[in-house]
Protein backbone atom coordinates (compact mmCIF):
# COMPACT_ATOMS: atom_id res chain seq x y z
CA MET A 1 0.78 0.34 26.82
CA LEU A 2 2.21 -0.58 23.36
CA SER A 3 -0.55 0.59 21.45
CA ASN A 4 -0.49 3.83 23.31
CA ALA A 5 2.59 4.81 22.06
CA LEU A 6 2.17 3.03 18.41
CA ALA A 7 -1.24 5.08 18.17
CA ALA A 8 0.98 8.61 18.97
CA VAL A 9 4.16 7.51 16.53
CA ALA A 10 1.35 7.12 13.85
CA THR A 11 -0.54 10.78 15.05
CA LEU A 12 3.10 12.77 15.06
CA VAL A 13 4.45 10.77 11.61
CA SER A 14 0.83 11.49 9.68
CA LEU A 15 1.24 15.70 11.43
CA ALA A 16 4.84 15.66 9.93
CA PHE A 17 3.96 13.93 6.78
CA ALA A 18 0.96 16.72 6.22
CA CYS A 19 3.10 19.35 7.32
CA SER A 20 5.41 18.49 4.91
CA THR A 21 2.90 18.18 1.72
CA LEU A 22 1.10 21.67 3.00
CA GLU A 23 4.96 23.12 2.46
CA ARG A 24 4.30 21.88 -0.99
CA TRP A 25 1.36 23.04 -1.63
CA LEU A 26 2.05 26.63 -0.01
CA VAL A 27 4.79 27.21 -2.75
CA ARG A 28 3.69 25.15 -5.82
CA ARG A 29 -0.25 25.48 -5.56
CA ARG A 30 -0.58 22.14 -7.07
CA ARG A 31 -3.89 20.56 -6.59
CA HIS A 32 -2.41 16.82 -5.67
CA ASP A 33 -0.39 18.23 -3.22
CA LEU A 34 -3.29 19.97 -1.57
CA ALA A 35 -5.33 16.52 -1.99
CA TRP A 36 -2.58 15.08 0.19
CA THR A 37 -2.47 17.34 2.94
CA VAL A 38 -6.31 16.82 3.17
CA SER A 39 -6.11 13.33 3.58
CA LEU A 40 -3.05 13.34 5.93
CA PHE A 41 -4.58 15.71 8.05
CA LEU A 42 -7.58 13.20 8.32
CA PHE A 43 -5.49 10.01 8.49
CA ALA A 44 -3.84 12.26 11.99
CA ALA A 45 -7.42 13.09 13.19
CA GLY A 46 -7.72 8.97 13.23
CA SER A 47 -4.80 7.90 14.59
CA LEU A 48 -5.46 10.42 17.75
CA ALA A 49 -9.23 8.91 18.28
CA LEU A 50 -7.19 5.44 18.16
CA ALA A 51 -4.68 7.12 20.38
CA ALA A 52 -7.30 7.82 22.66
CA GLY A 53 -9.53 4.81 22.32
CA ALA A 54 -6.16 2.89 23.44
CA ALA A 55 -5.40 5.33 26.36
CA LEU A 56 -8.71 6.65 27.89
CA GLY A 57 -10.50 3.66 26.83
CA TRP A 58 -13.19 3.43 23.84
CA ASP A 59 -16.60 5.18 24.10
CA GLU A 60 -19.12 6.21 21.36
CA TRP A 61 -17.45 9.40 20.00
CA SER A 62 -14.12 7.94 20.03
CA PHE A 63 -15.07 5.28 17.89
CA ARG A 64 -17.04 7.79 15.45
CA ALA A 65 -14.18 9.92 15.02
CA PHE A 66 -11.43 6.67 14.60
CA TYR A 67 -14.48 5.35 11.57
CA LEU A 68 -15.24 8.76 10.15
CA PHE A 69 -11.39 9.88 9.94
CA GLY A 70 -9.43 6.98 9.24
CA GLY A 71 -12.14 4.51 7.81
CA ILE A 72 -14.11 6.78 5.58
CA LEU A 73 -12.70 10.33 4.72
CA ASN A 74 -8.79 9.72 4.30
CA VAL A 75 -8.06 7.19 1.95
CA PRO A 76 -10.03 8.70 -1.19
CA PHE A 77 -8.39 12.42 -0.78
CA LEU A 78 -5.21 10.51 -0.84
CA ALA A 79 -6.49 8.45 -4.00
CA LEU A 80 -7.57 11.87 -5.18
CA GLY A 81 -4.13 13.39 -5.16
CA THR A 82 -3.19 10.32 -7.08
CA VAL A 83 -5.55 10.63 -9.96
CA TYR A 84 -4.79 14.57 -9.72
CA LEU A 85 -0.99 13.58 -10.44
CA LEU A 86 -1.53 10.81 -13.23
CA VAL A 87 -4.49 12.56 -14.94
CA GLY A 88 -4.24 16.42 -14.59
CA PRO A 89 -6.77 18.40 -13.08
CA ARG A 90 -8.93 19.68 -15.91
CA ARG A 91 -10.33 15.64 -15.79
CA THR A 92 -10.17 15.64 -11.86
CA ASP A 93 -11.64 18.71 -10.73
CA PRO A 94 -15.28 17.14 -11.03
CA TRP A 95 -14.38 14.01 -9.40
CA ALA A 96 -13.09 16.54 -6.92
CA ALA A 97 -16.66 18.47 -6.20
CA GLY A 98 -18.22 15.12 -6.06
CA LEU A 99 -15.57 13.79 -3.07
CA ALA A 100 -16.34 17.19 -1.51
CA LEU A 101 -20.28 16.41 -1.43
CA VAL A 102 -19.72 12.99 -0.74
CA SER A 103 -17.90 13.64 2.21
CA ALA A 104 -19.75 16.17 3.92
CA PHE A 105 -22.85 13.46 3.10
CA ALA A 106 -20.32 10.60 5.28
CA THR A 107 -19.89 13.26 8.22
CA GLY A 108 -23.59 13.79 8.69
CA VAL A 109 -24.26 9.94 8.74
CA MET A 110 -21.31 9.41 11.03
CA LEU A 111 -22.58 12.13 13.78
CA VAL A 112 -26.62 10.62 13.55
CA ALA A 113 -25.53 6.72 13.27
CA PRO A 114 -26.89 4.28 16.01
CA ILE A 115 -24.78 2.46 17.59
CA THR A 116 -25.89 -0.86 17.76
CA GLY A 117 -25.07 -2.10 21.45
CA SER A 118 -22.55 -0.56 23.94
CA VAL A 119 -18.89 -0.21 22.92
CA ASP A 120 -16.26 -1.47 25.24
CA PRO A 121 -13.83 0.23 26.18
CA ASN A 122 -11.27 -2.05 26.53
CA ALA A 123 -12.17 -3.63 23.12
CA PHE A 124 -11.29 -2.36 19.58
CA PRO A 125 -14.30 -1.51 18.42
CA THR A 126 -15.81 -2.41 14.42
CA GLY A 127 -18.29 -1.55 12.31
CA LYS A 128 -19.47 -4.82 11.94
CA GLU A 129 -20.41 -5.15 15.54
CA HIS A 130 -21.88 -1.59 16.04
CA LEU A 131 -22.56 -0.15 12.62
CA GLY A 132 -25.58 -0.41 10.24
CA VAL A 133 -24.97 -0.98 6.43
CA LEU A 134 -24.49 2.86 4.99
CA PRO A 135 -21.26 3.43 7.48
CA ARG A 136 -19.94 0.08 6.70
CA ALA A 137 -20.75 0.96 3.14
CA LEU A 138 -18.94 4.27 2.90
CA ALA A 139 -16.17 3.03 4.81
CA GLY A 140 -15.96 -0.28 2.57
CA VAL A 141 -16.36 1.35 -1.10
CA GLY A 142 -14.87 4.61 -0.07
CA SER A 143 -11.28 3.28 1.31
CA GLY A 144 -11.64 -0.42 -0.41
CA LEU A 145 -11.45 1.13 -4.01
CA ALA A 146 -9.63 3.81 -3.13
CA ALA A 147 -6.99 1.74 -2.08
CA LEU A 148 -6.76 -0.38 -5.16
CA VAL A 149 -6.20 3.64 -6.86
CA ILE A 150 -3.10 4.45 -4.19
CA VAL A 151 -1.15 1.32 -5.07
CA GLY A 152 -2.23 0.57 -8.54
CA GLY A 153 -0.78 4.21 -9.45
CA ALA A 154 2.02 3.51 -7.31
CA LEU A 155 3.39 0.65 -8.83
CA TRP A 156 2.21 1.45 -12.34
CA SER A 157 4.15 4.72 -11.60
CA ALA A 158 6.96 2.85 -10.33
CA ALA A 159 6.94 0.83 -13.70
CA ALA A 160 6.79 3.33 -15.47
CA LEU A 161 9.82 5.26 -14.14
CA VAL A 162 11.93 2.14 -14.58
CA ARG A 163 10.68 1.72 -18.54
CA ARG A 164 12.12 5.63 -18.67
CA ARG A 165 15.11 4.83 -17.44
CA ARG A 166 15.99 2.30 -19.80
CA ARG A 167 15.31 4.37 -22.63
CA PRO A 168 18.73 6.31 -23.61
CA GLY A 169 17.73 9.83 -24.00
CA ALA A 170 13.87 9.64 -23.57
CA ALA A 171 13.87 12.18 -20.74
CA ALA A 172 16.10 14.83 -19.73
CA PRO A 173 17.67 14.21 -16.60
CA SER A 174 15.45 15.35 -13.82
CA ALA A 175 16.70 16.58 -9.64
CA VAL A 176 15.86 13.23 -8.21
CA PRO A 177 17.04 10.04 -10.33
CA ALA A 178 14.45 7.80 -11.80
CA GLY A 179 15.57 4.90 -9.63
CA ARG A 180 15.38 6.51 -6.83
CA LEU A 181 11.77 7.59 -7.55
CA ALA A 182 10.54 4.11 -8.59
CA ALA A 183 12.08 2.87 -5.28
CA ALA A 184 9.96 5.76 -3.49
CA ASN A 185 6.97 4.13 -5.38
CA VAL A 186 7.62 0.67 -3.71
CA LEU A 187 7.65 2.04 -0.62
CA ILE A 188 4.59 4.02 -0.87
CA ALA A 189 2.75 0.43 -2.01
CA VAL A 190 4.51 -1.56 0.28
CA GLY A 191 3.50 1.02 3.22
CA THR A 192 -0.41 0.84 1.92
CA ILE A 193 -0.08 -3.12 2.27
CA VAL A 194 1.57 -3.15 5.44
CA ILE A 195 -1.69 -0.76 7.10
CA SER A 196 -4.05 -2.87 5.79
CA ALA A 197 -2.16 -6.28 7.11
CA LYS A 198 -2.83 -5.68 10.94
CA GLY A 199 -2.72 -9.78 11.41
CA ILE A 200 1.31 -9.84 10.90
CA PHE A 201 1.16 -7.59 14.28
CA ALA A 202 -0.89 -9.89 16.46
CA GLY A 203 1.83 -11.24 18.10
CA LEU A 204 2.39 -7.94 19.72
CA GLY A 205 -0.74 -7.89 21.85
CA ASP A 206 -4.83 -7.38 21.66
CA GLU A 207 -6.24 -6.36 18.38
CA THR A 208 -5.56 -2.38 19.35
CA THR A 209 -2.12 -2.94 19.44
CA ALA A 210 -2.18 -4.97 16.36
CA PHE A 211 -4.08 -2.10 14.56
CA SER A 212 -1.65 0.73 16.29
CA ALA A 213 1.75 -1.20 15.01
CA ALA A 214 0.05 -1.86 11.38
CA VAL A 215 -1.13 1.94 11.23
CA ALA A 216 2.52 3.36 12.67
CA SER A 217 4.36 0.96 10.36
CA GLY A 218 2.58 1.84 6.79
CA ILE A 219 2.58 5.57 7.59
CA MET A 220 6.54 5.24 8.36
CA ILE A 221 7.35 3.39 5.62
CA ILE A 222 5.07 5.70 3.27
CA PHE A 223 6.49 8.78 5.14
CA ALA A 224 9.92 6.99 4.18
CA GLY A 225 9.35 6.71 0.01
CA PHE A 226 7.79 10.48 0.46
CA LEU A 227 11.47 11.40 1.77
CA LEU A 228 13.15 9.57 -0.79
CA ALA A 229 11.43 11.17 -3.70
CA THR A 230 11.61 14.75 -2.41
CA ALA A 231 15.69 14.54 -1.61
CA THR A 232 17.30 16.29 -4.46
CA THR A 233 20.88 15.95 -6.01
CA ALA A 234 22.88 18.67 -7.19
CA PRO A 235 24.07 18.19 -10.92
CA VAL A 236 27.60 18.33 -11.72
CA GLY A 237 28.64 21.97 -12.34
CA SER A 238 25.87 23.42 -10.48
CA THR A 239 26.17 25.78 -7.33
CA GLY A 240 23.32 24.56 -5.52
CA ALA A 241 20.93 21.81 -5.11
CA PRO A 242 17.93 21.61 -7.71
CA PRO A 243 14.44 22.64 -6.34
CA ALA A 244 12.97 19.37 -4.12
CA GLY A 245 10.36 17.66 -6.25
CA LEU A 246 8.35 14.88 -6.28
CA LEU A 247 9.02 14.25 -9.61
CA ALA A 248 8.76 16.93 -12.32
CA GLY A 249 5.56 19.29 -12.71
CA ASN A 250 4.15 18.04 -15.86
CA HIS A 251 1.35 15.79 -16.84
CA ASP A 252 3.75 12.75 -17.95
CA PRO A 253 2.56 9.93 -15.80
CA ALA A 254 6.04 8.08 -16.90
CA ASN A 255 7.82 11.03 -14.63
CA ARG A 256 5.87 11.60 -11.57
CA ALA A 257 5.59 9.75 -8.41
CA THR A 258 2.22 8.73 -6.58
CA THR A 259 2.98 9.98 -2.79
CA THR A 260 0.08 8.50 -1.18
CA ALA A 261 -0.97 7.08 1.83
CA PRO A 262 -3.05 3.59 2.39
CA ARG A 263 -5.87 2.23 3.82
CA SER A 264 -6.61 3.30 7.42
CA GLY A 265 -10.36 1.97 7.68
CA ALA A 266 -11.55 1.14 11.37
CA ASP A 267 -13.68 -1.93 10.14
CA ARG A 268 -11.48 -5.26 8.82
CA GLY A 269 -14.34 -7.35 8.88
CA LEU A 270 -16.68 -5.92 5.92
């Protein structure tokens, strides 16, 4: 089925994306790379649960896993990476500690939350149909607010890069041209919006297929933005390409790209 293939694509792309950010963290040991790595592995887990539900039929535990990893946990960690990149570790570390505690609480909630009614193995399940107020509030507040941080941060960074590019002598040339980094941020924002807009894929089939298409398309667009931002161009006269970087690793918000992935919330009816 098409939904199976699309969910599998989303899983594989998110795993490749996670491995890329993990490699960057192992080399640079920067907190935003670690936050994105955690989030993308969570995204892969949510996509895997989606693939299992589409291929094998939904049940209580595939729904719980999909809702927890795809609807509650992954987006706040993506937003945490954006905040680390924009404001620095000193002011973000307390938020990271708080997010770890809330994530542990949310995991416990999803393990024990009662499921209302029976989960239809052939129908895409939603929190509105099967979960109480607390799990839905965790998904709504976590994914909704975090998605605003991600999209807003990406668009703000793209605008800042364009302004910096127009100021002669404002900054030294970096390994990646500012115009390319701005385009990468636009791709990130577009991908975030696409993942939340399953309605545009409604013509492909049932709700599971539409959601799988949105998730697969969005994560591929975001990964394309990441690859565009990390590609390097060797300066004239150099003997090799400079180290790859999402942007130069300082604390100037105008000199960063917010490579993040979007909301992949399990519940669109909150």
